[in-house]
Amino acid sequence: MTDDAPELRASDADRERVAEVLRDALAEGRLDMTEFEERLDATYQARTYGELAPITRDLPAGGGAPGPSVSMVKEPAARGGWAERITGGAGSSSGAVAVMSGFQRKGRWKVPKRFTCFTFWGGGELDLRDALFADREVEINCVTIMGGVGIVVPPGVEVVVRGIGIMGGFDSREDGVPGDPGAPRVIVSGFAFWGGVGIERKPARVRREGEERDVEGADRRMLGHGDLTHGWGHDQRRRDAE
């Protein structure tokens, strides 16, 4: 790449292009894991082209032939692209707790690198369709006892399920579905005892007349367990009251 304007500010799309070059170099054995992690950290911390340029100067860019890794011509990034939703920094919150109650995260919130949630006789909903992401790989750790957590992801996001269930379960239907290039990877881990963690893939929301509606309609039932936003504990208390 040229060094005509090293002070020019880099965009999220520029940083993501450099990150893809690094991932290719790791897969090809040009970088070891330590070098890859160091350069990837430097990539997401870079603010200008001058800071990005040295990161891939000794690496080929795509196809094995040397070439520019970052264009000096500022081109508008496609709106709605994944690069502009992986923003770095801290998340909106690091966790949530529901004890005989419920929690919800939805809309334009930022998912941290690790989000931990706990439910006991309660439930929670984590809707990632409009979310920003602090990193390309984030982990949602769910611990639920006689409760439930529902996670909604948009198309294109890769989901990896690593949770353990005892008299409960983690839904694995979305586990291993390939993600879009540059899309976030969401790792769902944790422990469920007499409870459940459901993962559902839905299209992005549409906004009409100030009201948010799901493209697929208003059906919020998940995985045959009922509405996990209210959770197992809510259902139990309602039965007790009757």
C-alpha atoms as a PDB file:
ATOM      1  CA  MET A   1       0.000   0.000   0.000  1.00  0.00           C
ATOM      2  CA  THR A   2       1.064   3.601  -0.455  1.00  0.00           C
ATOM      3  CA  ASP A   3       1.894   5.959   2.390  1.00  0.00           C
ATOM      4  CA  ASP A   4       0.462   9.085   0.774  1.00  0.00           C
ATOM      5  CA  ALA A   5      -1.925   9.877   3.621  1.00  0.00           C
ATOM      6  CA  PRO A   6      -0.901   7.970   6.763  1.00  0.00           C
ATOM      7  CA  GLU A   7      -2.780  10.431   8.959  1.00  0.00           C
ATOM      8  CA  LEU A   8      -6.121   9.666   7.287  1.00  0.00           C
ATOM      9  CA  ARG A   9      -8.585   8.113   9.733  1.00  0.00           C
ATOM     10  CA  ALA A  10      -9.357   4.427   9.172  1.00  0.00           C
ATOM     11  CA  SER A  11     -12.890   3.046   9.201  1.00  0.00           C
ATOM     12  CA  ASP A  12     -14.274  -0.098  10.803  1.00  0.00           C
ATOM     13  CA  ALA A  13     -14.415  -1.646   7.333  1.00  0.00           C
ATOM     14  CA  ASP A  14     -10.685  -0.893   6.866  1.00  0.00           C
ATOM     15  CA  ARG A  15      -9.844  -2.575  10.154  1.00  0.00           C
ATOM     16  CA  GLU A  16     -11.964  -5.600   9.274  1.00  0.00           C
ATOM     17  CA  ARG A  17     -10.182  -5.995   5.912  1.00  0.00           C
ATOM     18  CA  VAL A  18      -6.834  -6.048   7.712  1.00  0.00           C
ATOM     19  CA  ALA A  19      -8.213  -8.559  10.228  1.00  0.00           C
ATOM     20  CA  GLU A  20      -9.261 -10.864   7.376  1.00  0.00           C
ATOM     21  CA  VAL A  21      -5.709 -10.747   5.962  1.00  0.00           C
ATOM     22  CA  LEU A  22      -4.393 -11.748   9.400  1.00  0.00           C
ATOM     23  CA  ARG A  23      -6.867 -14.636   9.682  1.00  0.00           C
ATOM     24  CA  ASP A  24      -5.795 -15.912   6.271  1.00  0.00           C
ATOM     25  CA  ALA A  25      -2.139 -15.649   7.295  1.00  0.00           C
ATOM     26  CA  LEU A  26      -2.826 -17.635  10.470  1.00  0.00           C
ATOM     27  CA  ALA A  27      -4.630 -20.361   8.523  1.00  0.00           C
ATOM     28  CA  GLU A  28      -1.738 -20.565   6.031  1.00  0.00           C
ATOM     29  CA  GLY A  29       0.895 -20.811   8.785  1.00  0.00           C
ATOM     30  CA  ARG A  30       2.482 -17.440   8.024  1.00  0.00           C
ATOM     31  CA  LEU A  31       1.723 -16.276  11.589  1.00  0.00           C
ATOM     32  CA  ASP A  32       1.700 -18.229  14.808  1.00  0.00           C
ATOM     33  CA  MET A  33      -1.085 -17.681  17.335  1.00  0.00           C
ATOM     34  CA  THR A  34       0.911 -15.219  19.462  1.00  0.00           C
ATOM     35  CA  GLU A  35       1.772 -13.051  16.465  1.00  0.00           C
ATOM     36  CA  PHE A  36      -1.798 -13.242  15.206  1.00  0.00           C
ATOM     37  CA  GLU A  37      -3.269 -12.102  18.537  1.00  0.00           C
ATOM     38  CA  GLU A  38      -0.766  -9.257  18.859  1.00  0.00           C
ATOM     39  CA  ARG A  39      -1.460  -7.985  15.354  1.00  0.00           C
ATOM     40  CA  LEU A  40      -5.217  -8.410  15.687  1.00  0.00           C
ATOM     41  CA  ASP A  41      -5.204  -6.334  18.893  1.00  0.00           C
ATOM     42  CA  ALA A  42      -3.154  -3.662  17.114  1.00  0.00           C
ATOM     43  CA  THR A  43      -5.619  -3.712  14.205  1.00  0.00           C
ATOM     44  CA  TYR A  44      -8.689  -2.983  16.304  1.00  0.00           C
ATOM     45  CA  GLN A  45      -6.809  -0.292  18.253  1.00  0.00           C
ATOM     46  CA  ALA A  46      -5.560   1.453  15.100  1.00  0.00           C
ATOM     47  CA  ARG A  47      -7.086   4.832  14.315  1.00  0.00           C
ATOM     48  CA  THR A  48      -5.241   5.841  11.122  1.00  0.00           C
ATOM     49  CA  TYR A  49      -3.903   4.258   7.941  1.00  0.00           C
ATOM     50  CA  GLY A  50      -0.404   4.927   9.217  1.00  0.00           C
ATOM     51  CA  GLU A  51      -1.077   2.635  12.168  1.00  0.00           C
ATOM     52  CA  LEU A  52      -2.733  -0.048  10.024  1.00  0.00           C
ATOM     53  CA  ALA A  53      -0.140  -0.196   7.228  1.00  0.00           C
ATOM     54  CA  PRO A  54       2.733  -1.918   9.125  1.00  0.00           C
ATOM     55  CA  ILE A  55       0.475  -4.686  10.443  1.00  0.00           C
ATOM     56  CA  THR A  56       0.212  -6.504   7.092  1.00  0.00           C
ATOM     57  CA  ARG A  57       3.209  -5.035   5.241  1.00  0.00           C
ATOM     58  CA  ASP A  58       5.022  -8.401   5.281  1.00  0.00           C
ATOM     59  CA  LEU A  59       1.931 -10.437   4.363  1.00  0.00           C
ATOM     60  CA  PRO A  60       0.267 -11.160   1.004  1.00  0.00           C
ATOM     61  CA  ALA A  61      -3.245  -9.841   0.633  1.00  0.00           C
ATOM     62  CA  GLY A  62      -5.671 -12.412  -0.733  1.00  0.00           C
ATOM     63  CA  GLY A  63      -4.645 -15.099  -3.187  1.00  0.00           C
ATOM     64  CA  GLY A  64      -0.999 -15.174  -2.071  1.00  0.00           C
ATOM     65  CA  ALA A  65       0.151 -12.215  -4.182  1.00  0.00           C
ATOM     66  CA  PRO A  66       1.510  -9.084  -2.499  1.00  0.00           C
ATOM     67  CA  GLY A  67      -0.759  -6.093  -2.762  1.00  0.00           C
ATOM     68  CA  PRO A  68      -2.373  -3.290  -0.842  1.00  0.00           C
ATOM     69  CA  SER A  69      -4.196  -4.439   2.301  1.00  0.00           C
ATOM     70  CA  VAL A  70      -5.980  -1.125   2.835  1.00  0.00           C
ATOM     71  CA  SER A  71      -7.214   1.259   0.190  1.00  0.00           C
ATOM     72  CA  MET A  72      -6.302   4.897   0.629  1.00  0.00           C
ATOM     73  CA  VAL A  73      -9.443   5.903  -1.241  1.00  0.00           C
ATOM     74  CA  LYS A  74     -12.261   6.514   1.202  1.00  0.00           C
ATOM     75  CA  GLU A  75     -15.244   4.542  -0.018  1.00  0.00           C
ATOM     76  CA  PRO A  76     -18.501   4.512   1.896  1.00  0.00           C
ATOM     77  CA  ALA A  77     -19.048   1.215   3.658  1.00  0.00           C
ATOM     78  CA  ALA A  78     -22.250  -0.591   2.808  1.00  0.00           C
ATOM     79  CA  ARG A  79     -24.892   0.296   5.351  1.00  0.00           C
ATOM     80  CA  GLY A  80     -25.889  -2.550   7.579  1.00  0.00           C
ATOM     81  CA  GLY A  81     -22.561  -4.361   7.055  1.00  0.00           C
ATOM     82  CA  TRP A  82     -21.086  -6.398   9.880  1.00  0.00           C
ATOM     83  CA  ALA A  83     -17.936  -4.288  10.057  1.00  0.00           C
ATOM     84  CA  GLU A  84     -19.824  -1.258  11.344  1.00  0.00           C
ATOM     85  CA  ARG A  85     -21.507  -3.355  14.040  1.00  0.00           C
ATOM     86  CA  ILE A  86     -18.248  -4.699  15.530  1.00  0.00           C
ATOM     87  CA  THR A  87     -17.201  -1.578  17.351  1.00  0.00           C
ATOM     88  CA  GLY A  88     -14.729  -2.612  20.060  1.00  0.00           C
ATOM     89  CA  GLY A  89     -14.794  -1.090  23.523  1.00  0.00           C
ATOM     90  CA  ALA A  90     -16.891  -2.123  26.489  1.00  0.00           C
ATOM     91  CA  GLY A  91     -20.397  -3.535  26.340  1.00  0.00           C
ATOM     92  CA  SER A  92     -23.590  -1.850  27.476  1.00  0.00           C
ATOM     93  CA  SER A  93     -23.598  -4.196  30.477  1.00  0.00           C
ATOM     94  CA  SER A  94     -21.554  -7.197  31.538  1.00  0.00           C
ATOM     95  CA  GLY A  95     -24.394  -9.351  32.819  1.00  0.00           C
ATOM     96  CA  ALA A  96     -27.926  -9.752  34.162  1.00  0.00           C
ATOM     97  CA  VAL A  97     -29.630 -11.544  37.069  1.00  0.00           C
ATOM     98  CA  ALA A  98     -33.230 -12.723  37.434  1.00  0.00           C
ATOM     99  CA  VAL A  99     -34.325 -14.254  40.744  1.00  0.00           C
ATOM    100  CA  MET A 100     -38.077 -14.900  40.604  1.00  0.00           C
ATOM    101  CA  SER A 101     -38.158 -12.129  38.026  1.00  0.00           C
ATOM    102  CA  GLY A 102     -37.002 -11.413  34.502  1.00  0.00           C
ATOM    103  CA  PHE A 103     -34.571  -9.390  32.419  1.00  0.00           C
ATOM    104  CA  GLN A 104     -34.386  -8.312  28.798  1.00  0.00           C
ATOM    105  CA  ARG A 105     -31.745  -6.871  26.504  1.00  0.00           C
ATOM    106  CA  LYS A 106     -32.953  -5.759  23.094  1.00  0.00           C
ATOM    107  CA  GLY A 107     -32.655  -2.958  20.592  1.00  0.00           C
ATOM    108  CA  ARG A 108     -29.385  -1.083  20.030  1.00  0.00           C
ATOM    109  CA  TRP A 109     -27.336  -2.465  22.916  1.00  0.00           C
ATOM    110  CA  LYS A 110     -23.697  -3.526  22.783  1.00  0.00           C
ATOM    111  CA  VAL A 111     -22.775  -7.138  23.564  1.00  0.00           C
ATOM    112  CA  PRO A 112     -19.494  -7.275  25.556  1.00  0.00           C
ATOM    113  CA  LYS A 113     -16.771  -9.839  24.889  1.00  0.00           C
ATOM    114  CA  ARG A 114     -18.257 -11.886  27.757  1.00  0.00           C
ATOM    115  CA  PHE A 115     -21.809 -11.506  29.041  1.00  0.00           C
ATOM    116  CA  THR A 116     -22.865 -13.566  32.075  1.00  0.00           C
ATOM    117  CA  CYS A 117     -26.475 -14.089  33.104  1.00  0.00           C
ATOM    118  CA  PHE A 118     -28.087 -16.010  35.982  1.00  0.00           C
ATOM    119  CA  THR A 119     -31.715 -17.002  36.446  1.00  0.00           C
ATOM    120  CA  PHE A 120     -33.407 -18.740  39.377  1.00  0.00           C
ATOM    121  CA  TRP A 121     -37.134 -19.239  39.036  1.00  0.00           C
ATOM    122  CA  GLY A 122     -36.989 -16.507  36.459  1.00  0.00           C
ATOM    123  CA  GLY A 123     -36.212 -15.828  32.847  1.00  0.00           C
ATOM    124  CA  GLY A 124     -34.377 -13.576  30.475  1.00  0.00           C
ATOM    125  CA  GLU A 125     -34.312 -12.604  26.822  1.00  0.00           C
ATOM    126  CA  LEU A 126     -31.242 -11.502  24.875  1.00  0.00           C
ATOM    127  CA  ASP A 127     -32.136 -10.164  21.435  1.00  0.00           C
ATOM    128  CA  LEU A 128     -29.052  -9.595  19.266  1.00  0.00           C
ATOM    129  CA  ARG A 129     -30.776  -8.594  16.037  1.00  0.00           C
ATOM    130  CA  ASP A 130     -30.099  -4.867  16.431  1.00  0.00           C
ATOM    131  CA  ALA A 131     -27.101  -5.240  18.742  1.00  0.00           C
ATOM    132  CA  LEU A 132     -23.567  -3.958  18.347  1.00  0.00           C
ATOM    133  CA  PHE A 133     -20.665  -6.227  19.273  1.00  0.00           C
ATOM    134  CA  ALA A 134     -17.567  -5.352  21.293  1.00  0.00           C
ATOM    135  CA  ASP A 135     -15.587  -8.027  19.461  1.00  0.00           C
ATOM    136  CA  ARG A 136     -15.930 -10.355  16.496  1.00  0.00           C
ATOM    137  CA  GLU A 137     -16.192 -13.257  18.966  1.00  0.00           C
ATOM    138  CA  VAL A 138     -18.382 -12.833  22.039  1.00  0.00           C
ATOM    139  CA  GLU A 139     -19.408 -15.304  24.726  1.00  0.00           C
ATOM    140  CA  ILE A 140     -22.767 -15.462  26.486  1.00  0.00           C
ATOM    141  CA  ASN A 141     -22.486 -17.529  29.654  1.00  0.00           C
ATOM    142  CA  CYS A 142     -25.868 -18.663  30.981  1.00  0.00           C
ATOM    143  CA  VAL A 143     -26.454 -20.252  34.382  1.00  0.00           C
ATOM    144  CA  THR A 144     -30.110 -21.119  34.888  1.00  0.00           C
ATOM    145  CA  ILE A 145     -31.785 -23.047  37.723  1.00  0.00           C
ATOM    146  CA  MET A 146     -35.479 -23.764  37.274  1.00  0.00           C
ATOM    147  CA  GLY A 147     -35.531 -20.884  34.834  1.00  0.00           C
ATOM    148  CA  GLY A 148     -34.818 -20.065  31.231  1.00  0.00           C
ATOM    149  CA  VAL A 149     -32.945 -17.790  28.870  1.00  0.00           C
ATOM    150  CA  GLY A 150     -33.953 -17.105  25.271  1.00  0.00           C
ATOM    151  CA  ILE A 151     -31.343 -15.834  22.810  1.00  0.00           C
ATOM    152  CA  VAL A 152     -32.397 -14.414  19.438  1.00  0.00           C
ATOM    153  CA  VAL A 153     -29.719 -14.026  16.759  1.00  0.00           C
ATOM    154  CA  PRO A 154     -30.005 -12.573  13.251  1.00  0.00           C
ATOM    155  CA  PRO A 155     -29.192 -14.496  10.069  1.00  0.00           C
ATOM    156  CA  GLY A 156     -25.482 -14.556   9.279  1.00  0.00           C
ATOM    157  CA  VAL A 157     -24.220 -14.830  12.860  1.00  0.00           C
ATOM    158  CA  GLU A 158     -22.324 -18.019  13.701  1.00  0.00           C
ATOM    159  CA  VAL A 159     -23.456 -19.744  16.903  1.00  0.00           C
ATOM    160  CA  VAL A 160     -21.336 -22.172  18.935  1.00  0.00           C
ATOM    161  CA  VAL A 161     -23.058 -23.998  21.819  1.00  0.00           C
ATOM    162  CA  ARG A 162     -20.912 -25.225  24.714  1.00  0.00           C
ATOM    163  CA  GLY A 163     -23.440 -25.380  27.549  1.00  0.00           C
ATOM    164  CA  ILE A 164     -24.235 -28.359  29.775  1.00  0.00           C
ATOM    165  CA  GLY A 165     -27.743 -29.330  30.870  1.00  0.00           C
ATOM    166  CA  ILE A 166     -28.832 -31.550  33.770  1.00  0.00           C
ATOM    167  CA  MET A 167     -32.566 -32.194  33.689  1.00  0.00           C
ATOM    168  CA  GLY A 168     -32.494 -29.192  31.398  1.00  0.00           C
ATOM    169  CA  GLY A 169     -30.892 -28.324  28.124  1.00  0.00           C
ATOM    170  CA  PHE A 170     -29.177 -26.010  25.687  1.00  0.00           C
ATOM    171  CA  ASP A 171     -30.738 -25.800  22.254  1.00  0.00           C
ATOM    172  CA  SER A 172     -28.135 -26.760  19.656  1.00  0.00           C
ATOM    173  CA  ARG A 173     -30.126 -26.445  16.434  1.00  0.00           C
ATOM    174  CA  GLU A 174     -28.145 -23.371  15.362  1.00  0.00           C
ATOM    175  CA  ASP A 175     -24.789 -24.804  16.433  1.00  0.00           C
ATOM    176  CA  GLY A 176     -22.405 -25.109  13.504  1.00  0.00           C
ATOM    177  CA  VAL A 177     -24.455 -23.130  10.980  1.00  0.00           C
ATOM    178  CA  PRO A 178     -21.831 -21.210   8.944  1.00  0.00           C
ATOM    179  CA  GLY A 179     -21.775 -17.466   9.437  1.00  0.00           C
ATOM    180  CA  ASP A 180     -21.393 -14.704   6.879  1.00  0.00           C
ATOM    181  CA  PRO A 181     -17.858 -13.438   6.138  1.00  0.00           C
ATOM    182  CA  GLY A 182     -16.919 -10.880   8.772  1.00  0.00           C
ATOM    183  CA  ALA A 183     -19.972 -11.651  10.932  1.00  0.00           C
ATOM    184  CA  PRO A 184     -19.681 -12.090  14.701  1.00  0.00           C
ATOM    185  CA  ARG A 185     -19.353 -15.490  16.338  1.00  0.00           C
ATOM    186  CA  VAL A 186     -21.550 -15.985  19.428  1.00  0.00           C
ATOM    187  CA  ILE A 187     -20.453 -18.688  21.876  1.00  0.00           C
ATOM    188  CA  VAL A 188     -23.209 -19.820  24.247  1.00  0.00           C
ATOM    189  CA  SER A 189     -21.836 -21.557  27.336  1.00  0.00           C
ATOM    190  CA  GLY A 190     -22.945 -22.281  30.886  1.00  0.00           C
ATOM    191  CA  PHE A 191     -25.082 -24.661  32.920  1.00  0.00           C
ATOM    192  CA  ALA A 192     -28.810 -25.416  33.017  1.00  0.00           C
ATOM    193  CA  PHE A 193     -30.444 -27.351  35.883  1.00  0.00           C
ATOM    194  CA  TRP A 194     -34.169 -27.915  35.547  1.00  0.00           C
ATOM    195  CA  GLY A 195     -34.087 -25.094  33.062  1.00  0.00           C
ATOM    196  CA  GLY A 196     -33.348 -24.304  29.472  1.00  0.00           C
ATOM    197  CA  VAL A 197     -31.405 -22.031  27.160  1.00  0.00           C
ATOM    198  CA  GLY A 198     -33.088 -21.546  23.796  1.00  0.00           C
ATOM    199  CA  ILE A 199     -31.462 -20.104  20.680  1.00  0.00           C
ATOM    200  CA  GLU A 200     -33.613 -18.839  17.833  1.00  0.00           C
ATOM    201  CA  ARG A 201     -32.652 -17.253  14.534  1.00  0.00           C
ATOM    202  CA  LYS A 202     -34.942 -14.474  13.289  1.00  0.00           C
ATOM    203  CA  PRO A 203     -34.696 -11.767  10.623  1.00  0.00           C
ATOM    204  CA  ALA A 204     -33.946  -8.233  11.722  1.00  0.00           C
ATOM    205  CA  ARG A 205     -36.756  -6.103  13.069  1.00  0.00           C
ATOM    206  CA  VAL A 206     -38.597  -3.586  10.957  1.00  0.00           C
ATOM    207  CA  ARG A 207     -39.786  -0.284  12.384  1.00  0.00           C
ATOM    208  CA  ARG A 208     -43.115   1.062  11.315  1.00  0.00           C
ATOM    209  CA  GLU A 209     -44.984   4.043  12.757  1.00  0.00           C
ATOM    210  CA  GLY A 210     -42.707   4.103  15.787  1.00  0.00           C
ATOM    211  CA  GLU A 211     -43.434   0.485  16.697  1.00  0.00           C
ATOM    212  CA  GLU A 212     -41.004  -2.429  16.481  1.00  0.00           C
ATOM    213  CA  ARG A 213     -42.385  -5.562  14.882  1.00  0.00           C
ATOM    214  CA  ASP A 214     -40.745  -8.840  14.035  1.00  0.00           C
ATOM    215  CA  VAL A 215     -40.671  -9.614  10.339  1.00  0.00           C
ATOM    216  CA  GLU A 216     -42.081 -13.016  11.137  1.00  0.00           C
ATOM    217  CA  GLY A 217     -44.923 -11.654  13.287  1.00  0.00           C
ATOM    218  CA  ALA A 218     -45.647 -11.426  16.950  1.00  0.00           C
ATOM    219  CA  ASP A 219     -45.116 -15.066  17.871  1.00  0.00           C
ATOM    220  CA  ARG A 220     -42.631 -15.088  20.766  1.00  0.00           C
ATOM    221  CA  ARG A 221     -42.849 -18.731  21.745  1.00  0.00           C
ATOM    222  CA  MET A 222     -39.470 -20.420  21.706  1.00  0.00           C
ATOM    223  CA  LEU A 223     -38.489 -24.037  21.216  1.00  0.00           C
ATOM    224  CA  GLY A 224     -41.761 -25.413  22.559  1.00  0.00           C
ATOM    225  CA  HIS A 225     -40.896 -24.264  26.112  1.00  0.00           C
ATOM    226  CA  GLY A 226     -43.136 -21.214  26.111  1.00  0.00           C
ATOM    227  CA  ASP A 227     -41.950 -17.658  26.466  1.00  0.00           C
ATOM    228  CA  LEU A 228     -38.497 -17.888  28.013  1.00  0.00           C
ATOM    229  CA  THR A 229     -38.555 -14.177  28.749  1.00  0.00           C
ATOM    230  CA  HIS A 230     -40.851 -14.948  31.647  1.00  0.00           C
ATOM    231  CA  GLY A 231     -39.187 -18.245  32.385  1.00  0.00           C
ATOM    232  CA  TRP A 232     -40.050 -21.344  34.289  1.00  0.00           C
ATOM    233  CA  GLY A 233     -40.327 -19.516  37.605  1.00  0.00           C
ATOM    234  CA  HIS A 234     -43.084 -17.222  36.322  1.00  0.00           C
ATOM    235  CA  ASP A 235     -45.088 -20.204  35.095  1.00  0.00           C
ATOM    236  CA  GLN A 236     -44.653 -21.970  38.445  1.00  0.00           C
ATOM    237  CA  ARG A 237     -45.800 -18.955  40.478  1.00  0.00           C
ATOM    238  CA  ARG A 238     -48.864 -18.578  38.260  1.00  0.00           C
ATOM    239  CA  ARG A 239     -49.782 -22.206  38.840  1.00  0.00           C
ATOM    240  CA  ASP A 240     -49.250 -21.796  42.575  1.00  0.00           C
ATOM    241  CA  ALA A 241     -51.571 -18.788  42.622  1.00  0.00           C
ATOM    242  CA  GLU A 242     -54.281 -20.802  40.894  1.00  0.00           C
END
